[in-house]
Amino acid sequence: MEAVESAADLLDEGEASLKRSPAIDHWPADRERREATALLSFALGDHEASEELADPVPAVSARPRARYRRLIDRRASGEPMAHILGWTTFRGLRIVVRPGAFVPRQSSELLADSAVRRLRGRRRPVAIDLATGIGPVALAVAHAVRGADVHGTDISRDAVRQARANAASLGLRNAAFHRGDLFASLPATLHGRVDVITVHPPYIPPRELGDLPVEIRGFEPKDALTDLSADGLGLLERTAEEAPDWLRPGGWLLVEVSPDRARDVRSRLVRSRYRDVRSTRGWPDISRVVVGRI
């Protein structure tokens, strides 16, 4: 008879392994248990990788047990969950994720939410998402505001390729993606017509890259983490300078940053003569969206 082990014991084992890992971030407090549960669910054949197992908790036979332990080892090494599963969810959308581009974070949903609120109710709204990566914010906006004309840009060929594939698989024909530096690859016809510009810029100063967890510095593209400027805000400075040429009167610039950079970003938007500048935050409190309009 094939040996089996209880799911509860395997979850305890996996959670302990993840908690010991120096390669991953250990916030929030229940992260390791949720990830261990998702990986066990995935090993058992649930392609949704549920964070709750069926009741009663099943016994686990040798083959899925071995697969689960391999998945736990990969995660404990720092490999992102989205790379292991091949996808992540963002604002209710299932987005395919491949190595070579920045992994979408749930914290960025605040940026998408902030854009959606400002676009709804407008006649033929236009949105631009700079440094779009594989496009989670642009895709979420296009899905929530079906009448919007949404454009995402990124310098990474691989990221733009993934963004376009996700738009196609989600049936979002109102989302277009362009490879280029900030605004350079956008259609000139958008000049002065844009209602909202969103950006989650790479803002880590080069000297701080070594302080990041392995799951970030070891797996994310470097150009998605830093623009190589001394203070990390060079790309933000350029965005603030160039955005008014694209925004319509009263249009908004929305910038996602970490809480410790929000004050600097707010000051720079004020100096660039944006109006109604303020910093907003959502839950969990790990990011800020600094907003201003022209």
Protein backbone atom coordinates (compact mmCIF):
# COMPACT_ATOMS: atom_id res chain seq x y z
CA MET A 1 0.00 0.00 0.00
CA GLU A 2 1.28 3.45 -0.93
CA ALA A 3 2.32 5.58 2.04
CA VAL A 4 0.33 8.76 2.65
CA GLU A 5 0.81 11.76 4.89
CA SER A 6 -1.78 14.16 6.15
CA ALA A 7 -2.17 17.52 4.48
CA ALA A 8 -2.03 19.18 7.89
CA ASP A 9 1.44 17.76 8.56
CA LEU A 10 2.67 18.80 5.12
CA LEU A 11 1.32 22.32 5.60
CA ASP A 12 3.11 22.60 8.93
CA GLU A 13 6.32 21.37 7.29
CA GLY A 14 6.02 23.76 4.35
CA GLU A 15 5.14 26.73 6.51
CA ALA A 16 8.16 26.09 8.74
CA SER A 17 10.45 25.84 5.72
CA LEU A 18 9.21 29.15 4.32
CA LYS A 19 9.52 30.86 7.70
CA ARG A 20 13.16 29.78 7.89
CA SER A 21 13.95 31.16 4.45
CA PRO A 22 16.15 34.29 4.38
CA ALA A 23 15.27 34.83 0.70
CA ILE A 24 11.65 35.93 1.06
CA ASP A 25 9.81 38.76 2.74
CA HIS A 26 7.95 37.57 5.83
CA TRP A 27 5.09 40.07 5.80
CA PRO A 28 2.19 39.78 6.43
CA ALA A 29 2.29 37.36 9.33
CA ASP A 30 0.19 34.63 7.69
CA ARG A 31 1.97 34.75 4.34
CA GLU A 32 3.89 31.49 4.73
CA ARG A 33 0.79 29.49 5.67
CA ARG A 34 -1.22 30.89 2.79
CA GLU A 35 1.56 30.20 0.30
CA ALA A 36 2.14 26.68 1.61
CA THR A 37 -1.59 25.98 1.26
CA ALA A 38 -1.66 27.34 -2.29
CA LEU A 39 1.34 25.23 -3.25
CA LEU A 40 -0.14 22.07 -1.75
CA SER A 41 -3.41 22.75 -3.54
CA PHE A 42 -1.46 23.24 -6.79
CA ALA A 43 0.50 20.00 -6.21
CA LEU A 44 -2.80 18.17 -5.74
CA GLY A 45 -3.97 19.29 -9.16
CA ASP A 46 -5.93 22.44 -8.34
CA HIS A 47 -4.82 24.84 -11.06
CA GLU A 48 -6.44 27.71 -9.16
CA ALA A 49 -3.96 27.12 -6.28
CA SER A 50 -6.60 27.78 -3.64
CA GLU A 51 -5.50 29.08 -0.26
CA GLU A 52 -8.08 26.83 1.41
CA LEU A 53 -8.04 23.05 1.06
CA ALA A 54 -11.19 20.98 0.70
CA ASP A 55 -12.80 19.74 3.90
CA PRO A 56 -12.10 17.13 5.11
CA VAL A 57 -8.37 17.69 4.61
CA PRO A 58 -7.16 14.94 2.25
CA ALA A 59 -4.28 12.58 2.85
CA VAL A 60 -1.49 13.13 0.35
CA SER A 61 0.15 10.27 -1.51
CA ALA A 62 3.76 10.03 -2.68
CA ARG A 63 3.67 11.75 -6.09
CA PRO A 64 1.86 14.99 -5.11
CA ARG A 65 3.76 15.01 -1.84
CA ALA A 66 7.09 15.00 -3.68
CA ARG A 67 5.84 17.66 -6.07
CA TYR A 68 4.73 19.82 -3.16
CA ARG A 69 8.14 19.61 -1.49
CA ARG A 70 9.84 20.64 -4.74
CA LEU A 71 7.52 23.64 -4.98
CA ILE A 72 8.25 24.59 -1.36
CA ASP A 73 11.99 24.39 -2.07
CA ARG A 74 11.60 26.67 -5.08
CA ARG A 75 9.64 29.22 -3.07
CA ALA A 76 12.08 29.04 -0.15
CA SER A 77 14.89 29.87 -2.60
CA GLY A 78 13.10 33.15 -3.34
CA GLU A 79 11.40 32.24 -6.61
CA PRO A 80 8.20 34.32 -6.78
CA MET A 81 4.87 32.53 -6.42
CA ALA A 82 3.77 33.96 -9.78
CA HIS A 83 6.74 32.30 -11.51
CA ILE A 84 6.02 28.97 -9.83
CA LEU A 85 2.32 29.00 -10.70
CA GLY A 86 2.73 30.78 -14.04
CA TRP A 87 0.11 33.39 -13.22
CA THR A 88 -1.18 35.80 -10.62
CA THR A 89 -4.44 37.62 -10.00
CA PHE A 90 -4.74 41.38 -10.13
CA ARG A 91 -7.99 43.19 -9.43
CA GLY A 92 -9.87 40.00 -10.27
CA LEU A 93 -8.00 39.34 -13.53
CA ARG A 94 -5.87 36.25 -14.06
CA ILE A 95 -2.63 37.48 -15.58
CA VAL A 96 -0.04 35.12 -17.04
CA VAL A 97 3.45 35.77 -15.66
CA ARG A 98 6.75 34.67 -17.15
CA PRO A 99 10.29 35.45 -15.94
CA GLY A 100 11.85 38.56 -17.45
CA ALA A 101 9.41 41.20 -16.27
CA PHE A 102 8.31 42.71 -12.95
CA VAL A 103 5.83 40.55 -11.06
CA PRO A 104 2.52 42.36 -10.39
CA ARG A 105 1.85 43.13 -6.74
CA GLN A 106 -1.52 43.34 -5.04
CA SER A 107 -0.40 46.67 -3.56
CA SER A 108 -0.53 48.17 -7.08
CA GLU A 109 -4.29 47.65 -7.15
CA LEU A 110 -4.54 50.99 -5.33
CA LEU A 111 -2.98 52.68 -8.38
CA ALA A 112 -5.49 51.01 -10.71
CA ASP A 113 -8.39 51.87 -8.38
CA SER A 114 -7.31 55.51 -8.28
CA ALA A 115 -7.23 55.66 -12.08
CA VAL A 116 -10.59 53.93 -12.51
CA ARG A 117 -12.32 56.40 -10.16
CA ARG A 118 -11.06 59.32 -12.24
CA LEU A 119 -11.99 57.77 -15.58
CA ARG A 120 -15.51 56.53 -14.93
CA GLY A 121 -18.21 58.88 -16.15
CA ARG A 122 -15.95 60.65 -18.63
CA ARG A 123 -16.81 60.67 -22.30
CA ARG A 124 -14.31 58.59 -24.29
CA PRO A 125 -11.61 58.65 -21.57
CA VAL A 126 -7.95 58.11 -22.35
CA ALA A 127 -5.38 56.58 -19.97
CA ILE A 128 -1.64 55.97 -20.20
CA ASP A 129 0.31 53.59 -17.95
CA LEU A 130 4.06 54.20 -18.03
CA ALA A 131 6.60 51.53 -17.02
CA THR A 132 3.68 49.16 -17.47
CA GLY A 133 5.63 45.89 -17.17
CA ILE A 134 3.30 43.05 -18.19
CA GLY A 135 0.44 45.51 -17.95
CA PRO A 136 -1.54 44.79 -14.76
CA VAL A 137 -2.62 48.38 -14.13
CA ALA A 138 -3.42 49.08 -17.78
CA LEU A 139 -5.32 45.81 -18.11
CA ALA A 140 -7.31 46.43 -14.92
CA VAL A 141 -8.25 49.92 -16.10
CA ALA A 142 -9.24 48.66 -19.55
CA HIS A 143 -11.39 45.94 -17.97
CA ALA A 144 -13.11 48.26 -15.48
CA VAL A 145 -13.72 51.13 -17.93
CA ARG A 146 -14.58 49.40 -21.19
CA GLY A 147 -15.06 52.67 -23.05
CA ALA A 148 -11.57 53.87 -22.20
CA ASP A 149 -8.69 54.02 -24.67
CA VAL A 150 -5.79 52.60 -22.62
CA HIS A 151 -2.11 52.61 -23.57
CA GLY A 152 0.82 51.04 -21.73
CA THR A 153 4.50 51.62 -22.44
CA ASP A 154 7.69 49.91 -21.31
CA ILE A 155 11.30 49.75 -22.47
CA SER A 156 11.37 45.97 -22.10
CA ARG A 157 10.54 44.00 -25.25
CA ASP A 158 9.74 40.91 -23.15
CA ALA A 159 7.42 42.83 -20.83
CA VAL A 160 5.50 44.39 -23.73
CA ARG A 161 5.19 40.99 -25.39
CA GLN A 162 3.69 39.54 -22.21
CA ALA A 163 1.36 42.52 -21.79
CA ARG A 164 0.01 42.13 -25.33
CA ALA A 165 -0.52 38.40 -24.82
CA ASN A 166 -2.44 39.05 -21.61
CA ALA A 167 -4.61 41.69 -23.29
CA ALA A 168 -5.44 39.20 -26.05
CA SER A 169 -6.24 36.35 -23.66
CA LEU A 170 -8.49 38.64 -21.59
CA GLY A 171 -10.24 39.99 -24.68
CA LEU A 172 -9.30 43.59 -23.87
CA ARG A 173 -9.19 45.23 -27.28
CA ASN A 174 -9.18 48.70 -25.69
CA ALA A 175 -5.69 48.13 -24.25
CA ALA A 176 -2.65 48.72 -26.49
CA PHE A 177 0.98 48.28 -25.51
CA HIS A 178 4.01 50.05 -26.96
CA ARG A 179 7.74 49.46 -26.50
CA GLY A 180 9.61 52.65 -25.79
CA ASP A 181 11.03 55.07 -23.25
CA LEU A 182 8.18 56.73 -21.33
CA PHE A 183 6.05 58.69 -23.84
CA ALA A 184 8.34 58.21 -26.87
CA SER A 185 6.44 55.36 -28.53
CA LEU A 186 2.90 56.70 -28.00
CA PRO A 187 0.75 57.97 -30.90
CA ALA A 188 1.17 61.72 -31.32
CA THR A 189 -2.63 61.99 -31.57
CA LEU A 190 -2.82 61.51 -27.78
CA HIS A 191 -1.11 64.85 -27.11
CA GLY A 192 -3.33 66.95 -24.85
CA ARG A 193 -6.11 64.32 -24.75
CA VAL A 194 -5.14 62.10 -21.81
CA ASP A 195 -7.30 62.06 -18.68
CA VAL A 196 -5.05 59.96 -16.42
CA ILE A 197 -1.39 58.96 -16.51
CA THR A 198 -0.31 56.23 -14.09
CA VAL A 199 3.25 55.19 -13.31
CA HIS A 200 4.92 52.83 -10.87
CA PRO A 201 8.47 53.93 -11.58
CA PRO A 202 11.63 52.06 -10.61
CA TYR A 203 12.64 54.21 -7.64
CA ILE A 204 15.25 52.23 -5.67
CA PRO A 205 18.60 54.05 -5.45
CA PRO A 206 21.37 51.78 -6.77
CA ARG A 207 23.12 51.73 -3.38
CA GLU A 208 19.99 50.16 -1.80
CA LEU A 209 19.52 47.28 -4.25
CA GLY A 210 21.55 44.94 -2.07
CA ASP A 211 19.14 45.48 0.81
CA LEU A 212 16.21 44.00 -1.10
CA PRO A 213 15.06 40.42 -0.42
CA VAL A 214 16.40 37.76 -2.79
CA GLU A 215 12.87 37.20 -4.12
CA ILE A 216 13.09 40.74 -5.56
CA ARG A 217 16.76 41.43 -6.39
CA GLY A 218 17.36 37.87 -7.53
CA PHE A 219 14.35 37.51 -9.83
CA GLU A 220 13.15 40.95 -10.96
CA PRO A 221 14.82 42.73 -13.90
CA LYS A 222 17.19 45.41 -12.64
CA ASP A 223 15.63 48.11 -14.82
CA ALA A 224 12.29 47.43 -13.12
CA LEU A 225 13.85 48.27 -9.74
CA THR A 226 16.12 51.26 -10.39
CA ASP A 227 16.64 53.96 -13.02
CA LEU A 228 20.28 54.21 -11.85
CA SER A 229 19.88 57.85 -10.77
CA ALA A 230 21.53 58.72 -7.45
CA ASP A 231 18.25 59.17 -5.57
CA GLY A 232 16.19 56.73 -7.64
CA LEU A 233 13.74 59.40 -8.79
CA GLY A 234 15.21 60.37 -12.16
CA LEU A 235 12.45 58.67 -14.13
CA LEU A 236 9.82 60.31 -11.95
CA GLU A 237 11.37 63.73 -12.61
CA ARG A 238 11.17 63.15 -16.36
CA THR A 239 7.59 61.91 -16.11
CA ALA A 240 6.52 64.97 -14.14
CA GLU A 241 8.14 67.26 -16.73
CA GLU A 242 6.74 65.53 -19.81
CA ALA A 243 3.26 64.54 -18.62
CA PRO A 244 1.64 68.02 -19.00
CA ASP A 245 2.20 67.84 -22.78
CA TRP A 246 -0.03 64.75 -22.87
CA LEU A 247 -2.66 65.53 -20.24
CA ARG A 248 -5.82 67.43 -21.02
CA PRO A 249 -6.59 70.42 -18.73
CA GLY A 250 -7.49 68.98 -15.33
CA GLY A 251 -5.88 65.63 -16.18
CA TRP A 252 -4.21 63.60 -13.43
CA LEU A 253 -0.77 62.13 -12.86
CA LEU A 254 -0.82 59.19 -10.41
CA VAL A 255 2.48 57.86 -9.04
CA GLU A 256 2.90 54.67 -6.98
CA VAL A 257 5.84 54.69 -4.55
CA SER A 258 6.81 53.21 -1.21
CA PRO A 259 5.71 55.12 1.91
CA ASP A 260 9.26 56.34 2.60
CA ARG A 261 9.46 58.03 -0.83
CA ALA A 262 5.99 59.59 -0.88
CA ARG A 263 7.05 62.89 0.66
CA ASP A 264 9.85 63.37 -1.89
CA VAL A 265 7.52 62.59 -4.78
CA ARG A 266 4.84 64.91 -3.44
CA SER A 267 7.38 67.75 -3.13
CA ARG A 268 8.55 67.23 -6.71
CA LEU A 269 5.03 67.37 -8.10
CA VAL A 270 4.40 70.57 -6.17
CA ARG A 271 7.61 72.08 -7.55
CA SER A 272 6.51 71.05 -11.05
CA ARG A 273 3.33 73.12 -10.52
CA TYR A 274 0.82 70.29 -10.29
CA ARG A 275 -2.35 71.18 -8.41
CA ASP A 276 -4.28 69.30 -5.71
CA VAL A 277 -1.20 67.22 -4.88
CA ARG A 278 -1.70 64.69 -2.12
CA SER A 279 -0.61 61.25 -1.01
CA THR A 280 -3.21 58.50 -0.71
CA ARG A 281 -2.87 55.05 0.76
CA GLY A 282 -4.80 51.83 0.78
CA TRP A 283 -4.57 48.53 2.60
CA PRO A 284 -2.17 46.96 3.28
CA ASP A 285 -0.10 50.02 4.13
CA ILE A 286 2.90 49.15 1.95
CA SER A 287 2.50 51.64 -0.89
CA ARG A 288 1.34 55.17 -1.60
CA VAL A 289 -0.21 56.76 -4.64
CA VAL A 290 0.79 60.42 -4.96
CA VAL A 291 -1.67 62.33 -7.15
CA GLY A 292 -1.63 65.73 -8.82
CA ARG A 293 -3.34 67.39 -11.76
CA ILE A 294 -2.44 70.11 -14.21
